[in-house]
């Protein structure tokens, strides 16, 4: 399976902690950072994994951190003025795979979640959500077994998006096409998930979800999250 880890951002929500280091390089313990742990845990359960890391802010630091982890590096040189859709566009050739998992670099998952879900192949497109969490972060609303919208500005929602999208071969190519279209229309500042929402509304794209409320995980987006990440 191919894993595309988006790690280009500056982590402004965690400044001043991230003024001199990407938040994905925050140390969970003396031996590993958030990003190292993600890469190593994927390798633990998928020995043949093709892992692609898209970096931008402090690119050289990210490369040095992972130089012994057998990953492919892609650079987003415009990270300061673009968002994740541009980062994924720079890694677009890796969307031409049979199974693709797209992850934010600032997520810490328990091993069981990586083994049982993230490292498993899929025959349909879906995102991971957690119905035990809702709030100010990126949330989803559903209709039946499908996602009907994803946004940070939902007045009501079913669950928090867990920053993982899994695609089969067909849906990965649809996503690639939509990202190309949005980049050509100069929508560099959008989240790549906005392409999924566009596809839902414009193409009747079937995007499913899997609820991971029984697993332990956290997005590292503020200081409280750093404490939770160490607990996980």
C-alpha atoms as a PDB file:
ATOM      1  CA  UNK A   1       0.000   0.000   0.000  1.00  0.00           C
ATOM      2  CA  UNK A   2       1.060   3.596  -0.559  1.00  0.00           C
ATOM      3  CA  UNK A   3       0.892   6.079   2.313  1.00  0.00           C
ATOM      4  CA  UNK A   4       1.110   9.814   1.601  1.00  0.00           C
ATOM      5  CA  UNK A   5       1.924  11.758   4.766  1.00  0.00           C
ATOM      6  CA  UNK A   6       1.301  15.503   4.502  1.00  0.00           C
ATOM      7  CA  UNK A   7       3.924  17.286   6.594  1.00  0.00           C
ATOM      8  CA  UNK A   8       4.529  20.642   4.904  1.00  0.00           C
ATOM      9  CA  UNK A   9       2.784  23.057   7.283  1.00  0.00           C
ATOM     10  CA  UNK A  10       4.257  25.460   9.834  1.00  0.00           C
ATOM     11  CA  UNK A  11       2.048  24.426  12.759  1.00  0.00           C
ATOM     12  CA  UNK A  12       1.067  27.995  13.584  1.00  0.00           C
ATOM     13  CA  UNK A  13      -1.431  26.874  16.251  1.00  0.00           C
ATOM     14  CA  UNK A  14       1.476  25.607  18.332  1.00  0.00           C
ATOM     15  CA  UNK A  15       3.718  28.646  18.081  1.00  0.00           C
ATOM     16  CA  UNK A  16       6.086  29.520  19.720  1.00  0.00           C
ATOM     17  CA  UNK A  17       6.816  25.788  20.134  1.00  0.00           C
ATOM     18  CA  UNK A  18       6.922  25.411  16.347  1.00  0.00           C
ATOM     19  CA  UNK A  19       8.925  28.524  15.442  1.00  0.00           C
ATOM     20  CA  UNK A  20      12.090  26.462  14.964  1.00  0.00           C
ATOM     21  CA  UNK A  21      10.713  22.989  14.333  1.00  0.00           C
ATOM     22  CA  UNK A  22       7.707  21.445  12.541  1.00  0.00           C
ATOM     23  CA  UNK A  23       5.087  20.150  14.961  1.00  0.00           C
ATOM     24  CA  UNK A  24       5.409  16.676  13.430  1.00  0.00           C
ATOM     25  CA  UNK A  25       8.959  16.607  14.862  1.00  0.00           C
ATOM     26  CA  UNK A  26       7.718  17.156  18.420  1.00  0.00           C
ATOM     27  CA  UNK A  27       9.327  14.498  20.604  1.00  0.00           C
ATOM     28  CA  UNK A  28       6.936  12.010  22.136  1.00  0.00           C
ATOM     29  CA  UNK A  29       9.788  10.473  24.110  1.00  0.00           C
ATOM     30  CA  UNK A  30      13.583  10.326  24.018  1.00  0.00           C
ATOM     31  CA  UNK A  31      13.582   8.023  21.021  1.00  0.00           C
ATOM     32  CA  UNK A  32      10.879   9.170  18.593  1.00  0.00           C
ATOM     33  CA  UNK A  33       8.956  12.138  17.238  1.00  0.00           C
ATOM     34  CA  UNK A  34       5.317  12.239  16.101  1.00  0.00           C
ATOM     35  CA  UNK A  35       6.347  11.709  12.480  1.00  0.00           C
ATOM     36  CA  UNK A  36       8.912   9.009  13.243  1.00  0.00           C
ATOM     37  CA  UNK A  37       6.339   7.105  15.255  1.00  0.00           C
ATOM     38  CA  UNK A  38       3.829   7.267  12.405  1.00  0.00           C
ATOM     39  CA  UNK A  39       6.338   5.955   9.878  1.00  0.00           C
ATOM     40  CA  UNK A  40       7.660   3.222  12.161  1.00  0.00           C
ATOM     41  CA  UNK A  41       4.216   2.049  13.203  1.00  0.00           C
ATOM     42  CA  UNK A  42       3.098   1.762   9.569  1.00  0.00           C
ATOM     43  CA  UNK A  43       6.257  -0.223   8.778  1.00  0.00           C
ATOM     44  CA  UNK A  44       5.603  -2.463  11.755  1.00  0.00           C
ATOM     45  CA  UNK A  45       2.307  -3.649  10.274  1.00  0.00           C
ATOM     46  CA  UNK A  46       2.974  -3.201   6.538  1.00  0.00           C
ATOM     47  CA  UNK A  47       6.498  -4.328   5.720  1.00  0.00           C
ATOM     48  CA  UNK A  48       6.092  -3.517   2.019  1.00  0.00           C
ATOM     49  CA  UNK A  49       4.691  -0.031   2.592  1.00  0.00           C
ATOM     50  CA  UNK A  50       5.570   2.720   0.132  1.00  0.00           C
ATOM     51  CA  UNK A  51       5.718   5.783   2.397  1.00  0.00           C
ATOM     52  CA  UNK A  52       5.778   9.243   0.846  1.00  0.00           C
ATOM     53  CA  UNK A  53       6.369  12.303   3.029  1.00  0.00           C
ATOM     54  CA  UNK A  54       5.471  15.706   1.608  1.00  0.00           C
ATOM     55  CA  UNK A  55       7.448  18.348   3.497  1.00  0.00           C
ATOM     56  CA  UNK A  56       7.874  22.095   3.183  1.00  0.00           C
ATOM     57  CA  UNK A  57       8.539  24.056   6.367  1.00  0.00           C
ATOM     58  CA  UNK A  58      12.087  23.188   7.515  1.00  0.00           C
ATOM     59  CA  UNK A  59      12.285  20.551   4.789  1.00  0.00           C
ATOM     60  CA  UNK A  60      15.910  19.639   5.562  1.00  0.00           C
ATOM     61  CA  UNK A  61      15.041  18.949   9.209  1.00  0.00           C
ATOM     62  CA  UNK A  62      12.306  16.526   8.166  1.00  0.00           C
ATOM     63  CA  UNK A  63      14.657  14.755   5.751  1.00  0.00           C
ATOM     64  CA  UNK A  64      17.342  14.369   8.420  1.00  0.00           C
ATOM     65  CA  UNK A  65      14.785  13.077  10.905  1.00  0.00           C
ATOM     66  CA  UNK A  66      13.677  10.317   8.542  1.00  0.00           C
ATOM     67  CA  UNK A  67      16.843   9.653   6.553  1.00  0.00           C
ATOM     68  CA  UNK A  68      17.098   6.094   7.922  1.00  0.00           C
ATOM     69  CA  UNK A  69      13.395   5.276   7.649  1.00  0.00           C
ATOM     70  CA  UNK A  70      13.301   4.346   3.933  1.00  0.00           C
ATOM     71  CA  UNK A  71      10.750   6.953   2.876  1.00  0.00           C
ATOM     72  CA  UNK A  72      10.266   8.942  -0.328  1.00  0.00           C
ATOM     73  CA  UNK A  73      10.472  12.715   0.071  1.00  0.00           C
ATOM     74  CA  UNK A  74       8.428  15.214  -1.925  1.00  0.00           C
ATOM     75  CA  UNK A  75       8.897  18.957  -1.466  1.00  0.00           C
ATOM     76  CA  UNK A  76       6.212  21.623  -1.456  1.00  0.00           C
ATOM     77  CA  UNK A  77       8.336  24.762  -1.933  1.00  0.00           C
ATOM     78  CA  UNK A  78       5.260  26.976  -1.661  1.00  0.00           C
ATOM     79  CA  UNK A  79       4.121  25.670   1.738  1.00  0.00           C
ATOM     80  CA  UNK A  80       3.944  29.193   3.203  1.00  0.00           C
ATOM     81  CA  UNK A  81       1.263  30.345   0.743  1.00  0.00           C
ATOM     82  CA  UNK A  82      -0.546  27.086  -0.013  1.00  0.00           C
ATOM     83  CA  UNK A  83      -2.449  24.414   1.889  1.00  0.00           C
ATOM     84  CA  UNK A  84      -2.648  20.630   1.792  1.00  0.00           C
ATOM     85  CA  UNK A  85      -4.216  20.463  -1.668  1.00  0.00           C
ATOM     86  CA  UNK A  86      -0.961  21.803  -3.105  1.00  0.00           C
ATOM     87  CA  UNK A  87       1.099  19.349  -1.054  1.00  0.00           C
ATOM     88  CA  UNK A  88      -0.946  16.439  -2.376  1.00  0.00           C
ATOM     89  CA  UNK A  89      -0.666  17.819  -5.912  1.00  0.00           C
ATOM     90  CA  UNK A  90       3.140  17.703  -5.665  1.00  0.00           C
ATOM     91  CA  UNK A  91       2.809  14.012  -4.743  1.00  0.00           C
ATOM     92  CA  UNK A  92       0.190  13.342  -7.414  1.00  0.00           C
ATOM     93  CA  UNK A  93       2.022  10.519  -9.157  1.00  0.00           C
ATOM     94  CA  UNK A  94       1.648   8.440  -5.995  1.00  0.00           C
ATOM     95  CA  UNK A  95      -2.136   8.668  -6.296  1.00  0.00           C
ATOM     96  CA  UNK A  96      -1.826   6.369  -9.301  1.00  0.00           C
ATOM     97  CA  UNK A  97      -1.727   3.298  -7.077  1.00  0.00           C
ATOM     98  CA  UNK A  98      -4.131   0.455  -6.260  1.00  0.00           C
ATOM     99  CA  UNK A  99      -4.512   1.476  -2.618  1.00  0.00           C
ATOM    100  CA  UNK A 100      -3.609   4.868  -1.177  1.00  0.00           C
ATOM    101  CA  UNK A 101      -3.861   6.150   2.379  1.00  0.00           C
ATOM    102  CA  UNK A 102      -3.491   9.898   2.934  1.00  0.00           C
ATOM    103  CA  UNK A 103      -2.594  11.038   6.459  1.00  0.00           C
ATOM    104  CA  UNK A 104      -1.806  14.269   8.246  1.00  0.00           C
ATOM    105  CA  UNK A 105       1.626  14.126   9.847  1.00  0.00           C
ATOM    106  CA  UNK A 106       0.472  15.420  13.225  1.00  0.00           C
ATOM    107  CA  UNK A 107      -1.687  12.457  14.264  1.00  0.00           C
ATOM    108  CA  UNK A 108      -0.762   9.909  16.919  1.00  0.00           C
ATOM    109  CA  UNK A 109      -2.615   6.586  16.750  1.00  0.00           C
ATOM    110  CA  UNK A 110      -2.477   3.605  19.024  1.00  0.00           C
ATOM    111  CA  UNK A 111      -0.856   0.576  17.379  1.00  0.00           C
ATOM    112  CA  UNK A 112      -4.105  -1.391  17.261  1.00  0.00           C
ATOM    113  CA  UNK A 113      -5.749   1.235  15.061  1.00  0.00           C
ATOM    114  CA  UNK A 114      -2.824   1.241  12.637  1.00  0.00           C
ATOM    115  CA  UNK A 115      -2.794  -2.540  12.428  1.00  0.00           C
ATOM    116  CA  UNK A 116      -6.533  -3.142  12.149  1.00  0.00           C
ATOM    117  CA  UNK A 117      -7.574  -0.239   9.909  1.00  0.00           C
ATOM    118  CA  UNK A 118      -4.879   2.048   8.523  1.00  0.00           C
ATOM    119  CA  UNK A 119      -2.697  -0.747   7.161  1.00  0.00           C
ATOM    120  CA  UNK A 120      -5.595  -2.692   5.634  1.00  0.00           C
ATOM    121  CA  UNK A 121      -6.492  -2.480   1.943  1.00  0.00           C
ATOM    122  CA  UNK A 122      -9.834  -1.034   0.888  1.00  0.00           C
ATOM    123  CA  UNK A 123     -12.181  -1.569  -2.048  1.00  0.00           C
ATOM    124  CA  UNK A 124     -13.992   1.760  -1.577  1.00  0.00           C
ATOM    125  CA  UNK A 125     -13.101   5.328  -0.560  1.00  0.00           C
ATOM    126  CA  UNK A 126     -13.631   6.234   3.077  1.00  0.00           C
ATOM    127  CA  UNK A 127     -12.433   8.550   5.806  1.00  0.00           C
ATOM    128  CA  UNK A 128     -11.832   7.813   9.459  1.00  0.00           C
ATOM    129  CA  UNK A 129     -14.067   9.668  11.902  1.00  0.00           C
ATOM    130  CA  UNK A 130     -14.597   9.593  15.646  1.00  0.00           C
ATOM    131  CA  UNK A 131     -18.182  10.062  16.820  1.00  0.00           C
ATOM    132  CA  UNK A 132     -17.012  10.459  20.424  1.00  0.00           C
ATOM    133  CA  UNK A 133     -15.311  13.725  19.435  1.00  0.00           C
ATOM    134  CA  UNK A 134     -16.832  16.894  17.999  1.00  0.00           C
ATOM    135  CA  UNK A 135     -15.965  20.533  18.388  1.00  0.00           C
ATOM    136  CA  UNK A 136     -13.940  23.219  16.648  1.00  0.00           C
ATOM    137  CA  UNK A 137     -11.867  20.900  14.489  1.00  0.00           C
ATOM    138  CA  UNK A 138     -12.676  19.433  11.074  1.00  0.00           C
ATOM    139  CA  UNK A 139     -16.014  17.628  11.390  1.00  0.00           C
ATOM    140  CA  UNK A 140     -18.297  15.517   9.200  1.00  0.00           C
ATOM    141  CA  UNK A 141     -22.004  15.084   8.685  1.00  0.00           C
ATOM    142  CA  UNK A 142     -23.406  11.836   7.337  1.00  0.00           C
ATOM    143  CA  UNK A 143     -26.399  10.399   5.529  1.00  0.00           C
ATOM    144  CA  UNK A 144     -26.691   6.691   6.138  1.00  0.00           C
ATOM    145  CA  UNK A 145     -23.312   5.082   5.564  1.00  0.00           C
ATOM    146  CA  UNK A 146     -21.876   7.975   3.544  1.00  0.00           C
ATOM    147  CA  UNK A 147     -20.339  11.386   4.181  1.00  0.00           C
ATOM    148  CA  UNK A 148     -22.500  14.253   2.930  1.00  0.00           C
ATOM    149  CA  UNK A 149     -20.217  17.140   3.980  1.00  0.00           C
ATOM    150  CA  UNK A 150     -16.907  17.826   5.735  1.00  0.00           C
ATOM    151  CA  UNK A 151     -16.037  21.231   7.185  1.00  0.00           C
ATOM    152  CA  UNK A 152     -14.752  23.237  10.140  1.00  0.00           C
ATOM    153  CA  UNK A 153     -17.940  25.301  10.033  1.00  0.00           C
ATOM    154  CA  UNK A 154     -20.756  22.816  10.620  1.00  0.00           C
ATOM    155  CA  UNK A 155     -23.589  23.918  12.936  1.00  0.00           C
ATOM    156  CA  UNK A 156     -24.218  20.254  13.732  1.00  0.00           C
ATOM    157  CA  UNK A 157     -22.146  17.191  12.982  1.00  0.00           C
ATOM    158  CA  UNK A 158     -21.875  13.459  13.491  1.00  0.00           C
ATOM    159  CA  UNK A 159     -18.177  13.128  14.230  1.00  0.00           C
ATOM    160  CA  UNK A 160     -14.695  14.608  14.069  1.00  0.00           C
ATOM    161  CA  UNK A 161     -12.619  13.775  11.026  1.00  0.00           C
ATOM    162  CA  UNK A 162      -9.508  11.844  12.062  1.00  0.00           C
ATOM    163  CA  UNK A 163      -7.313  13.165   9.238  1.00  0.00           C
ATOM    164  CA  UNK A 164      -7.041   9.856   7.384  1.00  0.00           C
ATOM    165  CA  UNK A 165      -8.482   9.147   3.937  1.00  0.00           C
ATOM    166  CA  UNK A 166      -8.299   5.714   2.331  1.00  0.00           C
ATOM    167  CA  UNK A 167      -8.756   5.298  -1.434  1.00  0.00           C
ATOM    168  CA  UNK A 168      -9.016   2.352  -3.772  1.00  0.00           C
ATOM    169  CA  UNK A 169      -7.523   2.547  -7.288  1.00  0.00           C
ATOM    170  CA  UNK A 170     -10.600   4.057  -8.949  1.00  0.00           C
ATOM    171  CA  UNK A 171     -11.351   6.702  -6.327  1.00  0.00           C
ATOM    172  CA  UNK A 172      -7.672   7.702  -6.096  1.00  0.00           C
ATOM    173  CA  UNK A 173      -7.735   8.611  -9.766  1.00  0.00           C
ATOM    174  CA  UNK A 174     -10.957  10.584  -9.335  1.00  0.00           C
ATOM    175  CA  UNK A 175      -9.346  12.509  -6.475  1.00  0.00           C
ATOM    176  CA  UNK A 176      -6.264  13.163  -8.605  1.00  0.00           C
ATOM    177  CA  UNK A 177      -8.419  14.573 -11.393  1.00  0.00           C
ATOM    178  CA  UNK A 178     -10.324  16.870  -9.018  1.00  0.00           C
ATOM    179  CA  UNK A 179      -7.118  18.116  -7.402  1.00  0.00           C
ATOM    180  CA  UNK A 180      -5.698  18.877 -10.844  1.00  0.00           C
ATOM    181  CA  UNK A 181      -8.846  20.830 -11.683  1.00  0.00           C
ATOM    182  CA  UNK A 182      -8.725  22.841  -8.467  1.00  0.00           C
ATOM    183  CA  UNK A 183      -5.023  23.637  -8.843  1.00  0.00           C
ATOM    184  CA  UNK A 184      -5.644  24.752 -12.427  1.00  0.00           C
ATOM    185  CA  UNK A 185      -8.330  27.072 -11.024  1.00  0.00           C
ATOM    186  CA  UNK A 186      -5.725  28.476  -8.590  1.00  0.00           C
ATOM    187  CA  UNK A 187      -7.354  27.057  -5.457  1.00  0.00           C
ATOM    188  CA  UNK A 188      -3.962  26.582  -3.806  1.00  0.00           C
ATOM    189  CA  UNK A 189      -5.155  27.556  -0.357  1.00  0.00           C
ATOM    190  CA  UNK A 190      -7.734  24.802   0.094  1.00  0.00           C
ATOM    191  CA  UNK A 191      -7.467  21.648   2.180  1.00  0.00           C
ATOM    192  CA  UNK A 192      -7.262  18.557   0.006  1.00  0.00           C
ATOM    193  CA  UNK A 193     -10.417  17.343   1.753  1.00  0.00           C
ATOM    194  CA  UNK A 194     -12.225  20.217   0.040  1.00  0.00           C
ATOM    195  CA  UNK A 195     -11.720  18.281  -3.183  1.00  0.00           C
ATOM    196  CA  UNK A 196     -13.642  15.382  -1.634  1.00  0.00           C
ATOM    197  CA  UNK A 197     -16.490  17.727  -0.716  1.00  0.00           C
ATOM    198  CA  UNK A 198     -16.554  19.164  -4.235  1.00  0.00           C
ATOM    199  CA  UNK A 199     -16.758  15.641  -5.623  1.00  0.00           C
ATOM    200  CA  UNK A 200     -19.661  14.791  -3.301  1.00  0.00           C
ATOM    201  CA  UNK A 201     -21.645  17.850  -4.372  1.00  0.00           C
ATOM    202  CA  UNK A 202     -20.733  17.994  -8.039  1.00  0.00           C
ATOM    203  CA  UNK A 203     -20.253  14.332  -8.994  1.00  0.00           C
ATOM    204  CA  UNK A 204     -22.415  12.434  -6.475  1.00  0.00           C
ATOM    205  CA  UNK A 205     -19.162  10.863  -5.299  1.00  0.00           C
ATOM    206  CA  UNK A 206     -19.740   8.105  -2.757  1.00  0.00           C
ATOM    207  CA  UNK A 207     -17.440   8.752   0.192  1.00  0.00           C
ATOM    208  CA  UNK A 208     -17.916   6.366   3.095  1.00  0.00           C
ATOM    209  CA  UNK A 209     -16.713   6.577   6.687  1.00  0.00           C
ATOM    210  CA  UNK A 210     -15.447   4.318   9.439  1.00  0.00           C
ATOM    211  CA  UNK A 211     -16.032   5.269  13.040  1.00  0.00           C
ATOM    212  CA  UNK A 212     -12.960   4.758  15.251  1.00  0.00           C
ATOM    213  CA  UNK A 213     -14.538   5.893  18.536  1.00  0.00           C
ATOM    214  CA  UNK A 214     -13.274   2.769  20.287  1.00  0.00           C
ATOM    215  CA  UNK A 215      -9.623   3.527  19.510  1.00  0.00           C
ATOM    216  CA  UNK A 216      -7.136   5.897  21.110  1.00  0.00           C
ATOM    217  CA  UNK A 217      -5.744   8.703  18.951  1.00  0.00           C
ATOM    218  CA  UNK A 218      -5.214  12.447  18.867  1.00  0.00           C
ATOM    219  CA  UNK A 219      -4.416  15.243  16.466  1.00  0.00           C
ATOM    220  CA  UNK A 220      -1.550  17.385  17.741  1.00  0.00           C
ATOM    221  CA  UNK A 221      -3.034  20.847  17.257  1.00  0.00           C
ATOM    222  CA  UNK A 222      -2.488  22.551  20.622  1.00  0.00           C
ATOM    223  CA  UNK A 223      -0.562  22.130  23.854  1.00  0.00           C
ATOM    224  CA  UNK A 224      -3.240  19.925  25.431  1.00  0.00           C
ATOM    225  CA  UNK A 225      -2.943  17.623  22.421  1.00  0.00           C
ATOM    226  CA  UNK A 226       0.776  17.211  23.074  1.00  0.00           C
ATOM    227  CA  UNK A 227      -0.009  15.776  26.503  1.00  0.00           C
ATOM    228  CA  UNK A 228      -2.632  13.452  25.027  1.00  0.00           C
ATOM    229  CA  UNK A 229      -0.197  12.352  22.313  1.00  0.00           C
ATOM    230  CA  UNK A 230       2.297  11.208  24.911  1.00  0.00           C
ATOM    231  CA  UNK A 231      -0.442   9.265  26.686  1.00  0.00           C
ATOM    232  CA  UNK A 232      -1.408   7.490  23.447  1.00  0.00           C
END
